[in-house]
């Protein structure tokens, strides 16, 4: 009757407790893994957005340097034109070819420096974006590995706790001799 049902419930309770402990450990381990994966994915997305911004900034730096180069070429052309006008107004004849080519070369050199600066700035910005994505991916992988190790330890702990719970079910109620009032030792030197 009722006593047998209670005995069954009492006998089943450690098994139910052990199963709940294992299920709780599994749930906690899954949550740890899910959180690490979500964090890694968020970091990756942020890095990709930052990369888009650095790529855009690189394009702007390159475009700016192209405009600057064109301005330096225009300035050289204006200087050449002015020099020709001054030469003609002074009655000295046409402008010396050496001076004219020097002015053009100077303008091209300045334009080349501007383009080089913009290209290098663009490369640096793109590299910064690439490094950010790489670091986010590496950090994410490391975080996931760490979470997997922690989750495995959590599972191991849950199984150990459940095992100890079950072991308690089958362990003797008291160690042998615990119910004896005293431990009586034989006389010294008797070998007992």
N, C-alpha and C. Protein backbone atom coordinates (compact mmCIF):
# COMPACT_ATOMS: atom_id res chain seq x y z
N UNK A 1 0.78 -1.16 0.00
CA UNK A 1 0.00 0.00 0.00
C UNK A 1 0.83 1.25 0.00
N UNK A 2 0.48 2.07 0.94
CA UNK A 2 1.07 3.41 1.02
C UNK A 2 2.53 3.35 1.40
N UNK A 3 2.89 2.40 2.27
CA UNK A 3 4.29 2.25 2.69
C UNK A 3 5.17 1.84 1.54
N UNK A 4 4.66 0.96 0.64
CA UNK A 4 5.43 0.51 -0.52
C UNK A 4 5.64 1.67 -1.49
N UNK A 5 4.60 2.51 -1.64
CA UNK A 5 4.74 3.67 -2.53
C UNK A 5 5.78 4.65 -1.99
N UNK A 6 5.77 4.87 -0.71
CA UNK A 6 6.74 5.76 -0.08
C UNK A 6 8.15 5.20 -0.21
N UNK A 7 8.28 3.91 -0.07
CA UNK A 7 9.59 3.27 -0.21
C UNK A 7 10.10 3.43 -1.65
N UNK A 8 9.18 3.28 -2.60
CA UNK A 8 9.56 3.44 -4.01
C UNK A 8 10.02 4.87 -4.27
N UNK A 9 9.26 5.86 -3.76
CA UNK A 9 9.60 7.26 -3.95
C UNK A 9 10.95 7.56 -3.29
N UNK A 10 11.14 7.03 -2.08
CA UNK A 10 12.39 7.26 -1.37
C UNK A 10 13.56 6.63 -2.13
N UNK A 11 13.34 5.45 -2.73
CA UNK A 11 14.39 4.79 -3.49
C UNK A 11 14.67 5.52 -4.80
N UNK A 12 13.62 6.10 -5.41
CA UNK A 12 13.78 6.76 -6.71
C UNK A 12 14.35 8.17 -6.57
N UNK A 13 14.20 8.79 -5.42
CA UNK A 13 14.61 10.18 -5.23
C UNK A 13 16.08 10.44 -5.58
N UNK A 14 17.02 9.62 -5.17
CA UNK A 14 18.42 9.88 -5.55
C UNK A 14 18.64 9.82 -7.07
N UNK A 15 17.91 8.95 -7.76
CA UNK A 15 18.05 8.85 -9.21
C UNK A 15 17.50 10.11 -9.89
N UNK A 16 16.36 10.57 -9.40
CA UNK A 16 15.76 11.79 -9.93
C UNK A 16 16.68 12.99 -9.66
N UNK A 17 17.22 13.04 -8.47
CA UNK A 17 18.14 14.12 -8.11
C UNK A 17 19.39 14.09 -8.99
N UNK A 18 19.93 12.90 -9.21
CA UNK A 18 21.11 12.76 -10.06
C UNK A 18 20.81 13.20 -11.49
N UNK A 19 19.65 12.80 -12.01
CA UNK A 19 19.26 13.19 -13.37
C UNK A 19 19.09 14.70 -13.46
N UNK A 20 18.48 15.30 -12.44
CA UNK A 20 18.30 16.76 -12.44
C UNK A 20 19.65 17.47 -12.37
N UNK A 21 20.58 16.95 -11.60
CA UNK A 21 21.92 17.54 -11.49
C UNK A 21 22.63 17.49 -12.85
N UNK A 22 22.53 16.34 -13.52
CA UNK A 22 23.18 16.20 -14.83
C UNK A 22 22.52 17.13 -15.84
N UNK A 23 21.19 17.19 -15.85
CA UNK A 23 20.48 18.06 -16.78
C UNK A 23 20.82 19.53 -16.52
N UNK A 24 20.91 19.91 -15.27
CA UNK A 24 21.29 21.29 -14.93
C UNK A 24 22.70 21.60 -15.40
N UNK A 25 23.62 20.65 -15.24
CA UNK A 25 24.99 20.84 -15.72
C UNK A 25 25.04 20.98 -17.23
N UNK A 26 24.24 20.14 -17.92
CA UNK A 26 24.19 20.21 -19.39
C UNK A 26 23.65 21.56 -19.84
N UNK A 27 22.61 22.03 -19.18
CA UNK A 27 22.01 23.31 -19.53
C UNK A 27 23.00 24.45 -19.31
N UNK A 28 23.69 24.42 -18.19
CA UNK A 28 24.68 25.46 -17.89
C UNK A 28 25.81 25.42 -18.91
N UNK A 29 26.28 24.23 -19.27
CA UNK A 29 27.35 24.09 -20.27
C UNK A 29 26.90 24.62 -21.62
N UNK A 30 25.66 24.29 -22.01
CA UNK A 30 25.14 24.80 -23.28
C UNK A 30 25.05 26.33 -23.28
N UNK A 31 24.61 26.89 -22.16
CA UNK A 31 24.52 28.35 -22.05
C UNK A 31 25.89 29.01 -22.16
N UNK A 32 26.91 28.38 -21.55
CA UNK A 32 28.27 28.92 -21.63
C UNK A 32 28.76 28.93 -23.08
N UNK A 33 28.51 27.83 -23.77
CA UNK A 33 28.94 27.73 -25.18
C UNK A 33 28.19 28.74 -26.05
N UNK A 34 26.88 28.83 -25.85
CA UNK A 34 26.06 29.77 -26.63
C UNK A 34 26.51 31.21 -26.41
N UNK A 35 26.79 31.57 -25.16
CA UNK A 35 27.22 32.94 -24.85
C UNK A 35 28.56 33.24 -25.52
N UNK A 36 29.49 32.30 -25.49
CA UNK A 36 30.79 32.52 -26.12
C UNK A 36 30.65 32.69 -27.62
N UNK A 37 29.80 31.86 -28.24
CA UNK A 37 29.59 31.97 -29.68
C UNK A 37 28.93 33.30 -30.04
N UNK A 38 27.96 33.73 -29.23
CA UNK A 38 27.30 35.02 -29.48
C UNK A 38 28.29 36.17 -29.33
N UNK A 39 29.12 36.13 -28.30
CA UNK A 39 30.12 37.18 -28.10
C UNK A 39 31.10 37.22 -29.27
N UNK A 40 31.54 36.05 -29.72
CA UNK A 40 32.48 35.98 -30.84
C UNK A 40 31.84 36.54 -32.11
N UNK A 41 30.59 36.21 -32.35
CA UNK A 41 29.90 36.70 -33.55
C UNK A 41 29.70 38.21 -33.48
N UNK A 42 29.36 38.72 -32.30
CA UNK A 42 29.19 40.17 -32.14
C UNK A 42 30.51 40.90 -32.39
N UNK A 43 31.60 40.38 -31.84
CA UNK A 43 32.92 41.00 -32.04
C UNK A 43 33.30 40.96 -33.52
N UNK A 44 32.99 39.86 -34.19
CA UNK A 44 33.31 39.74 -35.62
C UNK A 44 32.52 40.79 -36.42
N UNK A 45 31.24 40.95 -36.09
CA UNK A 45 30.41 41.93 -36.81
C UNK A 45 30.91 43.35 -36.59
N UNK A 46 31.27 43.67 -35.35
CA UNK A 46 31.80 45.00 -35.05
C UNK A 46 33.09 45.23 -35.84
N UNK A 47 33.95 44.21 -35.89
CA UNK A 47 35.21 44.34 -36.64
C UNK A 47 34.94 44.54 -38.13
N UNK A 48 33.94 43.85 -38.66
CA UNK A 48 33.62 44.03 -40.09
C UNK A 48 33.08 45.43 -40.36
N UNK A 49 32.28 45.95 -39.44
CA UNK A 49 31.78 47.32 -39.60
C UNK A 49 32.94 48.31 -39.53
N UNK A 50 33.85 48.09 -38.58
CA UNK A 50 35.03 48.96 -38.49
C UNK A 50 35.87 48.87 -39.76
N UNK A 51 35.97 47.67 -40.32
CA UNK A 51 36.72 47.50 -41.56
C UNK A 51 36.06 48.27 -42.70
N UNK A 52 34.74 48.24 -42.77
CA UNK A 52 34.04 49.02 -43.80
C UNK A 52 34.36 50.51 -43.65
N UNK A 53 34.39 50.96 -42.39
CA UNK A 53 34.69 52.38 -42.14
C UNK A 53 36.13 52.72 -42.52
N UNK A 54 37.08 51.83 -42.19
CA UNK A 54 38.47 52.11 -42.55
C UNK A 54 38.67 52.01 -44.07
N UNK A 55 37.95 51.09 -44.73
CA UNK A 55 38.02 51.02 -46.19
C UNK A 55 37.49 52.31 -46.82
N UNK A 56 36.40 52.81 -46.27
CA UNK A 56 35.83 54.07 -46.76
C UNK A 56 36.82 55.21 -46.55
N UNK A 57 37.41 55.27 -45.35
CA UNK A 57 38.39 56.32 -45.04
C UNK A 57 39.60 56.20 -45.97
N UNK A 58 39.99 54.98 -46.29
CA UNK A 58 41.11 54.77 -47.21
C UNK A 58 40.78 55.32 -48.59
N UNK A 59 39.58 55.06 -49.07
CA UNK A 59 39.15 55.59 -50.35
C UNK A 59 39.12 57.11 -50.34
N UNK A 60 38.67 57.69 -49.23
CA UNK A 60 38.65 59.15 -49.10
C UNK A 60 40.06 59.73 -49.12
N UNK A 61 40.99 59.06 -48.43
CA UNK A 61 42.38 59.52 -48.40
C UNK A 61 42.98 59.48 -49.80
N UNK A 62 42.69 58.41 -50.53
CA UNK A 62 43.21 58.28 -51.89
C UNK A 62 42.60 59.34 -52.82
N UNK A 63 41.29 59.54 -52.70
CA UNK A 63 40.62 60.55 -53.53
C UNK A 63 41.14 61.95 -53.22
N UNK A 64 41.34 62.22 -51.95
CA UNK A 64 41.87 63.52 -51.54
C UNK A 64 43.26 63.74 -52.12
N UNK A 65 44.08 62.70 -52.09
CA UNK A 65 45.43 62.85 -52.63
C UNK A 65 45.40 63.05 -54.14
N UNK A 66 44.42 62.46 -54.83
CA UNK A 66 44.30 62.67 -56.28
C UNK A 66 43.92 64.12 -56.58
N UNK A 67 43.01 64.66 -55.76
CA UNK A 67 42.63 66.07 -55.94
C UNK A 67 43.83 66.98 -55.65
N UNK A 68 44.56 66.65 -54.62
CA UNK A 68 45.75 67.43 -54.26
C UNK A 68 46.79 67.36 -55.39
N UNK A 69 46.96 66.19 -55.97
CA UNK A 69 47.92 66.04 -57.07
C UNK A 69 47.49 66.88 -58.27
N UNK A 70 46.21 66.87 -58.57
CA UNK A 70 45.71 67.70 -59.69
C UNK A 70 45.94 69.18 -59.41
N UNK A 71 45.74 69.58 -58.16
CA UNK A 71 45.95 70.98 -57.79
C UNK A 71 47.42 71.35 -57.96
N UNK A 72 48.32 70.46 -57.63
CA UNK A 72 49.75 70.75 -57.78
C UNK A 72 50.14 70.80 -59.25
N UNK A 73 49.53 70.01 -60.07
CA UNK A 73 49.79 70.08 -61.52
C UNK A 73 49.27 71.41 -62.09
N UNK A 74 48.06 71.80 -61.65
CA UNK A 74 47.50 73.09 -62.10
C UNK A 74 48.41 74.24 -61.68
N UNK A 75 48.90 74.16 -60.45
CA UNK A 75 49.78 75.22 -59.94
C UNK A 75 51.05 75.30 -60.80
N UNK A 76 51.61 74.14 -61.16
CA UNK A 76 52.81 74.13 -62.00
C UNK A 76 52.50 74.72 -63.38
N UNK A 77 51.33 74.37 -63.91
CA UNK A 77 50.92 74.91 -65.23
C UNK A 77 50.75 76.42 -65.15
N UNK A 78 50.16 76.91 -64.06
CA UNK A 78 49.99 78.36 -63.89
C UNK A 78 51.34 79.05 -63.74
N UNK A 79 52.26 78.42 -63.00
CA UNK A 79 53.60 79.00 -62.84
C UNK A 79 54.31 79.07 -64.19
N UNK A 80 54.17 78.02 -64.99
CA UNK A 80 54.78 78.02 -66.32
C UNK A 80 54.18 79.13 -67.18
N UNK A 81 52.86 79.24 -67.13
CA UNK A 81 52.17 80.26 -67.92
C UNK A 81 52.62 81.66 -67.49
N UNK A 82 52.74 81.89 -66.21
CA UNK A 82 53.18 83.20 -65.68
C UNK A 82 54.60 83.49 -66.10
N UNK A 83 55.46 82.45 -66.00
CA UNK A 83 56.85 82.64 -66.41
C UNK A 83 56.94 82.99 -67.89
N UNK A 84 56.10 82.35 -68.70
CA UNK A 84 56.10 82.66 -70.14
C UNK A 84 55.62 84.09 -70.38
N UNK A 85 54.63 84.50 -69.62
CA UNK A 85 54.10 85.87 -69.78
C UNK A 85 55.13 86.90 -69.37
N UNK A 86 55.83 86.62 -68.26
CA UNK A 86 56.86 87.56 -67.80
C UNK A 86 57.99 87.64 -68.83
N UNK A 87 58.39 86.47 -69.37
CA UNK A 87 59.47 86.45 -70.36
C UNK A 87 59.06 87.23 -71.61
N UNK A 88 57.83 87.07 -72.03
CA UNK A 88 57.36 87.77 -73.23
C UNK A 88 57.25 89.28 -72.98
N UNK A 89 56.75 89.65 -71.77
CA UNK A 89 56.58 91.07 -71.45
C UNK A 89 57.92 91.78 -71.30
N UNK A 90 58.94 91.06 -70.89
CA UNK A 90 60.24 91.70 -70.68
C UNK A 90 61.01 91.85 -71.99
N UNK A 91 60.48 91.27 -73.07
CA UNK A 91 61.11 91.38 -74.37
C UNK A 91 62.27 90.41 -74.53
N UNK A 92 62.39 89.50 -73.65
CA UNK A 92 63.51 88.55 -73.70
C UNK A 92 63.26 87.37 -74.59
N UNK A 93 62.13 87.27 -75.24
CA UNK A 93 61.84 86.16 -76.12
C UNK A 93 61.16 85.03 -75.37
N UNK A 94 61.10 83.87 -76.03
CA UNK A 94 60.40 82.74 -75.42
C UNK A 94 61.14 82.23 -74.16
N UNK A 95 60.38 81.59 -73.32
CA UNK A 95 60.93 81.05 -72.05
C UNK A 95 61.91 79.93 -72.35
N UNK A 96 62.98 79.94 -71.61
CA UNK A 96 64.02 78.90 -71.76
C UNK A 96 63.39 77.53 -71.49
N UNK A 97 63.71 76.57 -72.36
CA UNK A 97 63.17 75.19 -72.24
C UNK A 97 63.54 74.55 -70.90
N UNK A 98 64.71 74.82 -70.40
CA UNK A 98 65.17 74.24 -69.12
C UNK A 98 64.27 74.70 -67.98
N UNK A 99 63.96 75.99 -67.98
CA UNK A 99 63.09 76.53 -66.93
C UNK A 99 61.69 75.93 -67.06
N UNK A 100 61.19 75.86 -68.29
CA UNK A 100 59.84 75.32 -68.52
C UNK A 100 59.76 73.86 -68.07
N UNK A 101 60.73 73.05 -68.48
CA UNK A 101 60.68 71.63 -68.08
C UNK A 101 60.89 71.47 -66.59
N UNK A 102 61.69 72.36 -65.97
CA UNK A 102 61.89 72.31 -64.52
C UNK A 102 60.60 72.57 -63.76
N UNK A 103 59.84 73.57 -64.24
CA UNK A 103 58.55 73.87 -63.59
C UNK A 103 57.59 72.69 -63.72
N UNK A 104 57.53 72.09 -64.90
CA UNK A 104 56.63 70.94 -65.11
C UNK A 104 57.08 69.76 -64.25
N UNK A 105 58.40 69.50 -64.22
CA UNK A 105 58.92 68.38 -63.40
C UNK A 105 58.60 68.59 -61.93
N UNK A 106 58.78 69.82 -61.46
CA UNK A 106 58.48 70.12 -60.05
C UNK A 106 57.01 69.86 -59.73
N UNK A 107 56.12 70.26 -60.62
CA UNK A 107 54.69 70.02 -60.42
C UNK A 107 54.36 68.54 -60.42
N UNK A 108 54.98 67.78 -61.34
CA UNK A 108 54.74 66.33 -61.39
C UNK A 108 55.30 65.63 -60.15
N UNK A 109 56.47 66.10 -59.69
CA UNK A 109 57.07 65.51 -58.48
C UNK A 109 56.16 65.74 -57.27
N UNK A 110 55.68 66.98 -57.12
CA UNK A 110 54.77 67.28 -56.00
C UNK A 110 53.48 66.47 -56.12
N UNK A 111 52.96 66.33 -57.34
CA UNK A 111 51.75 65.53 -57.55
C UNK A 111 52.01 64.07 -57.19
N UNK A 112 53.17 63.56 -57.58
CA UNK A 112 53.53 62.17 -57.26
C UNK A 112 53.63 61.95 -55.76
N UNK A 113 54.21 62.91 -55.03
CA UNK A 113 54.28 62.80 -53.57
C UNK A 113 52.89 62.76 -52.96
N UNK A 114 52.01 63.61 -53.47
CA UNK A 114 50.63 63.63 -52.95
C UNK A 114 49.94 62.29 -53.18
N UNK A 115 50.10 61.75 -54.38
CA UNK A 115 49.48 60.45 -54.68
C UNK A 115 50.08 59.34 -53.80
N UNK A 116 51.38 59.37 -53.63
CA UNK A 116 52.05 58.37 -52.79
C UNK A 116 51.54 58.44 -51.36
N UNK A 117 51.46 59.67 -50.82
CA UNK A 117 50.96 59.84 -49.45
C UNK A 117 49.56 59.28 -49.30
N UNK A 118 48.69 59.59 -50.24
CA UNK A 118 47.30 59.11 -50.17
C UNK A 118 47.21 57.61 -50.29
N UNK A 119 48.03 57.05 -51.19
CA UNK A 119 48.04 55.59 -51.36
C UNK A 119 48.52 54.90 -50.08
N UNK A 120 49.58 55.42 -49.50
CA UNK A 120 50.11 54.82 -48.27
C UNK A 120 49.15 54.98 -47.10
N UNK A 121 48.51 56.14 -47.01
CA UNK A 121 47.50 56.33 -45.95
C UNK A 121 46.36 55.34 -46.14
N UNK A 122 45.94 55.15 -47.38
CA UNK A 122 44.87 54.19 -47.69
C UNK A 122 45.28 52.76 -47.34
N UNK A 123 46.51 52.40 -47.69
CA UNK A 123 47.00 51.05 -47.35
C UNK A 123 47.00 50.85 -45.83
N UNK A 124 47.47 51.86 -45.11
CA UNK A 124 47.52 51.76 -43.65
C UNK A 124 46.13 51.59 -43.04
N UNK A 125 45.17 52.34 -43.55
CA UNK A 125 43.81 52.23 -43.04
C UNK A 125 43.20 50.86 -43.36
N UNK A 126 43.42 50.38 -44.58
CA UNK A 126 42.90 49.05 -44.94
C UNK A 126 43.55 47.97 -44.08
N UNK A 127 44.85 48.10 -43.86
CA UNK A 127 45.56 47.13 -43.02
C UNK A 127 44.98 47.14 -41.60
N UNK A 128 44.73 48.33 -41.08
CA UNK A 128 44.14 48.45 -39.75
C UNK A 128 42.80 47.72 -39.68
N UNK A 129 41.97 47.88 -40.71
CA UNK A 129 40.68 47.18 -40.76
C UNK A 129 40.85 45.67 -40.83
N UNK A 130 41.80 45.22 -41.66
CA UNK A 130 42.06 43.78 -41.78
C UNK A 130 42.56 43.19 -40.46
N UNK A 131 43.45 43.93 -39.79
CA UNK A 131 43.97 43.45 -38.49
C UNK A 131 42.84 43.37 -37.47
N UNK A 132 41.96 44.33 -37.48
CA UNK A 132 40.83 44.31 -36.54
C UNK A 132 39.95 43.09 -36.74
N UNK A 133 39.68 42.74 -38.00
CA UNK A 133 38.87 41.54 -38.29
C UNK A 133 39.63 40.29 -37.84
N UNK A 134 40.91 40.22 -38.16
CA UNK A 134 41.73 39.06 -37.77
C UNK A 134 41.74 38.90 -36.25
N UNK A 135 41.98 40.01 -35.53
CA UNK A 135 42.02 39.94 -34.07
C UNK A 135 40.68 39.52 -33.49
N UNK A 136 39.59 40.02 -34.05
CA UNK A 136 38.26 39.64 -33.56
C UNK A 136 38.02 38.15 -33.78
N UNK A 137 38.43 37.64 -34.95
CA UNK A 137 38.27 36.21 -35.22
C UNK A 137 39.11 35.37 -34.27
N UNK A 138 40.36 35.78 -34.04
CA UNK A 138 41.23 35.04 -33.14
C UNK A 138 40.69 35.07 -31.71
N UNK A 139 40.27 36.25 -31.27
CA UNK A 139 39.72 36.39 -29.92
C UNK A 139 38.46 35.54 -29.78
N UNK A 140 37.62 35.55 -30.80
CA UNK A 140 36.40 34.74 -30.77
C UNK A 140 36.69 33.26 -30.66
N UNK A 141 37.67 32.80 -31.46
CA UNK A 141 38.06 31.38 -31.39
C UNK A 141 38.57 31.03 -30.00
N UNK A 142 39.41 31.91 -29.44
CA UNK A 142 39.97 31.66 -28.11
C UNK A 142 38.87 31.64 -27.06
N UNK A 143 37.91 32.56 -27.18
CA UNK A 143 36.80 32.61 -26.21
C UNK A 143 35.94 31.35 -26.31
N UNK A 144 35.71 30.89 -27.53
CA UNK A 144 34.91 29.67 -27.71
C UNK A 144 35.65 28.47 -27.14
N UNK A 145 36.96 28.38 -27.38
CA UNK A 145 37.74 27.26 -26.81
C UNK A 145 37.69 27.29 -25.29
N UNK A 146 37.86 28.48 -24.73
CA UNK A 146 37.83 28.62 -23.27
C UNK A 146 36.45 28.23 -22.72
N UNK A 147 35.40 28.67 -23.40
CA UNK A 147 34.04 28.33 -22.96
C UNK A 147 33.80 26.83 -23.07
N UNK A 148 34.34 26.20 -24.11
CA UNK A 148 34.19 24.75 -24.24
C UNK A 148 34.90 24.02 -23.10
N UNK A 149 36.09 24.51 -22.74
CA UNK A 149 36.80 23.89 -21.60
C UNK A 149 36.00 24.06 -20.31
N UNK A 150 35.50 25.27 -20.09
CA UNK A 150 34.72 25.53 -18.88
C UNK A 150 33.43 24.71 -18.88
N UNK A 151 32.80 24.58 -20.05
CA UNK A 151 31.56 23.80 -20.16
C UNK A 151 31.85 22.32 -19.88
N UNK A 152 32.97 21.84 -20.40
CA UNK A 152 33.33 20.44 -20.13
C UNK A 152 33.59 20.23 -18.64
N UNK A 153 34.24 21.19 -18.01
CA UNK A 153 34.48 21.08 -16.56
C UNK A 153 33.16 21.11 -15.80
N UNK A 154 32.23 21.93 -16.25
CA UNK A 154 30.91 22.00 -15.61
C UNK A 154 30.20 20.65 -15.74
N UNK A 155 30.27 20.07 -16.93
CA UNK A 155 29.65 18.74 -17.14
C UNK A 155 30.31 17.69 -16.25
N UNK A 156 31.62 17.72 -16.19
CA UNK A 156 32.34 16.76 -15.34
C UNK A 156 31.93 16.93 -13.88
N UNK A 157 31.80 18.17 -13.45
CA UNK A 157 31.36 18.44 -12.08
C UNK A 157 29.94 17.92 -11.83
N UNK A 158 29.07 18.11 -12.82
CA UNK A 158 27.69 17.63 -12.67
C UNK A 158 27.66 16.11 -12.56
N UNK A 159 28.44 15.43 -13.41
CA UNK A 159 28.49 13.97 -13.35
C UNK A 159 29.09 13.51 -12.02
N UNK A 160 30.12 14.21 -11.56
CA UNK A 160 30.74 13.83 -10.27
C UNK A 160 29.75 14.02 -9.13
N UNK A 161 29.03 15.14 -9.16
CA UNK A 161 28.04 15.40 -8.10
C UNK A 161 26.94 14.35 -8.13
N UNK A 162 26.48 14.02 -9.34
CA UNK A 162 25.44 12.99 -9.46
C UNK A 162 25.97 11.65 -8.99
N UNK A 163 27.21 11.35 -9.35
CA UNK A 163 27.82 10.08 -8.92
C UNK A 163 27.95 10.01 -7.41
N UNK A 164 28.34 11.13 -6.78
CA UNK A 164 28.46 11.14 -5.32
C UNK A 164 27.09 10.96 -4.68
N UNK A 165 26.08 11.55 -5.30
CA UNK A 165 24.72 11.41 -4.79
C UNK A 165 24.29 9.94 -4.83
N UNK A 166 24.64 9.28 -5.95
CA UNK A 166 24.29 7.86 -6.10
C UNK A 166 25.13 7.00 -5.17
N UNK A 167 26.40 7.36 -5.01
CA UNK A 167 27.27 6.57 -4.14
C UNK A 167 26.76 6.62 -2.70
N UNK A 168 26.23 7.77 -2.33
CA UNK A 168 25.68 7.91 -0.98
C UNK A 168 24.52 6.96 -0.75
N UNK A 169 23.83 6.61 -1.82
CA UNK A 169 22.70 5.69 -1.73
C UNK A 169 23.16 4.28 -1.33
N UNK A 170 24.33 3.91 -1.79
CA UNK A 170 24.79 2.54 -1.57
C UNK A 170 25.87 2.42 -0.50
N UNK A 171 26.32 3.54 0.03
CA UNK A 171 27.37 3.49 1.06
C UNK A 171 26.78 2.99 2.36
N UNK A 172 27.59 2.33 3.17
CA UNK A 172 27.08 1.91 4.49
C UNK A 172 26.73 3.12 5.33
N UNK A 173 25.79 2.92 6.25
CA UNK A 173 25.32 4.05 7.04
C UNK A 173 26.38 4.56 8.00
N UNK A 174 27.26 3.71 8.45
CA UNK A 174 28.32 4.14 9.36
C UNK A 174 29.54 3.28 9.11
N UNK A 175 30.69 3.84 9.33
CA UNK A 175 31.92 3.08 9.16
C UNK A 175 32.01 2.01 10.23
N UNK A 176 32.62 0.87 9.92
CA UNK A 176 32.72 -0.20 10.92
C UNK A 176 33.42 0.30 12.17
N UNK A 177 32.88 -0.05 13.29
CA UNK A 177 33.49 0.30 14.57
C UNK A 177 33.09 1.65 15.10
N UNK A 178 32.32 2.43 14.32
CA UNK A 178 31.93 3.76 14.77
C UNK A 178 31.00 3.65 15.98
N UNK A 179 30.20 2.59 15.99
CA UNK A 179 29.25 2.46 17.10
C UNK A 179 29.91 1.95 18.38
N UNK A 180 31.18 1.54 18.31
CA UNK A 180 31.87 1.11 19.53
C UNK A 180 32.26 2.33 20.32
N UNK A 181 32.06 2.31 21.65
CA UNK A 181 32.30 3.51 22.45
C UNK A 181 33.77 3.93 22.51
N UNK A 182 34.68 3.00 22.55
CA UNK A 182 36.10 3.34 22.68
C UNK A 182 36.92 2.41 21.81
N UNK A 183 38.05 2.91 21.43
CA UNK A 183 39.01 2.03 20.76
C UNK A 183 39.99 1.65 21.84
N UNK A 184 40.04 0.39 22.15
CA UNK A 184 40.90 -0.06 23.23
C UNK A 184 42.13 -0.69 22.63
N UNK A 185 43.25 -0.14 23.00
CA UNK A 185 44.51 -0.62 22.48
C UNK A 185 45.12 -1.53 23.55
N UNK A 186 45.80 -2.54 23.03
CA UNK A 186 46.47 -3.47 23.98
C UNK A 186 47.64 -2.78 24.66
N UNK A 187 48.23 -3.44 25.64
CA UNK A 187 49.38 -2.86 26.34
C UNK A 187 50.52 -2.55 25.37
N UNK A 188 51.30 -1.56 25.68
CA UNK A 188 52.42 -1.16 24.81
C UNK A 188 53.35 -2.33 24.64
N UNK A 189 53.79 -2.44 23.36
CA UNK A 189 54.74 -3.51 23.06
C UNK A 189 54.08 -4.84 22.80
N UNK A 190 52.75 -4.95 22.88
CA UNK A 190 52.11 -6.24 22.65
C UNK A 190 51.86 -6.49 21.19
N UNK A 191 52.09 -5.47 20.36
CA UNK A 191 51.90 -5.65 18.91
C UNK A 191 50.52 -5.28 18.44
N UNK A 192 49.60 -4.95 19.31
CA UNK A 192 48.24 -4.59 18.89
C UNK A 192 48.15 -3.14 18.54
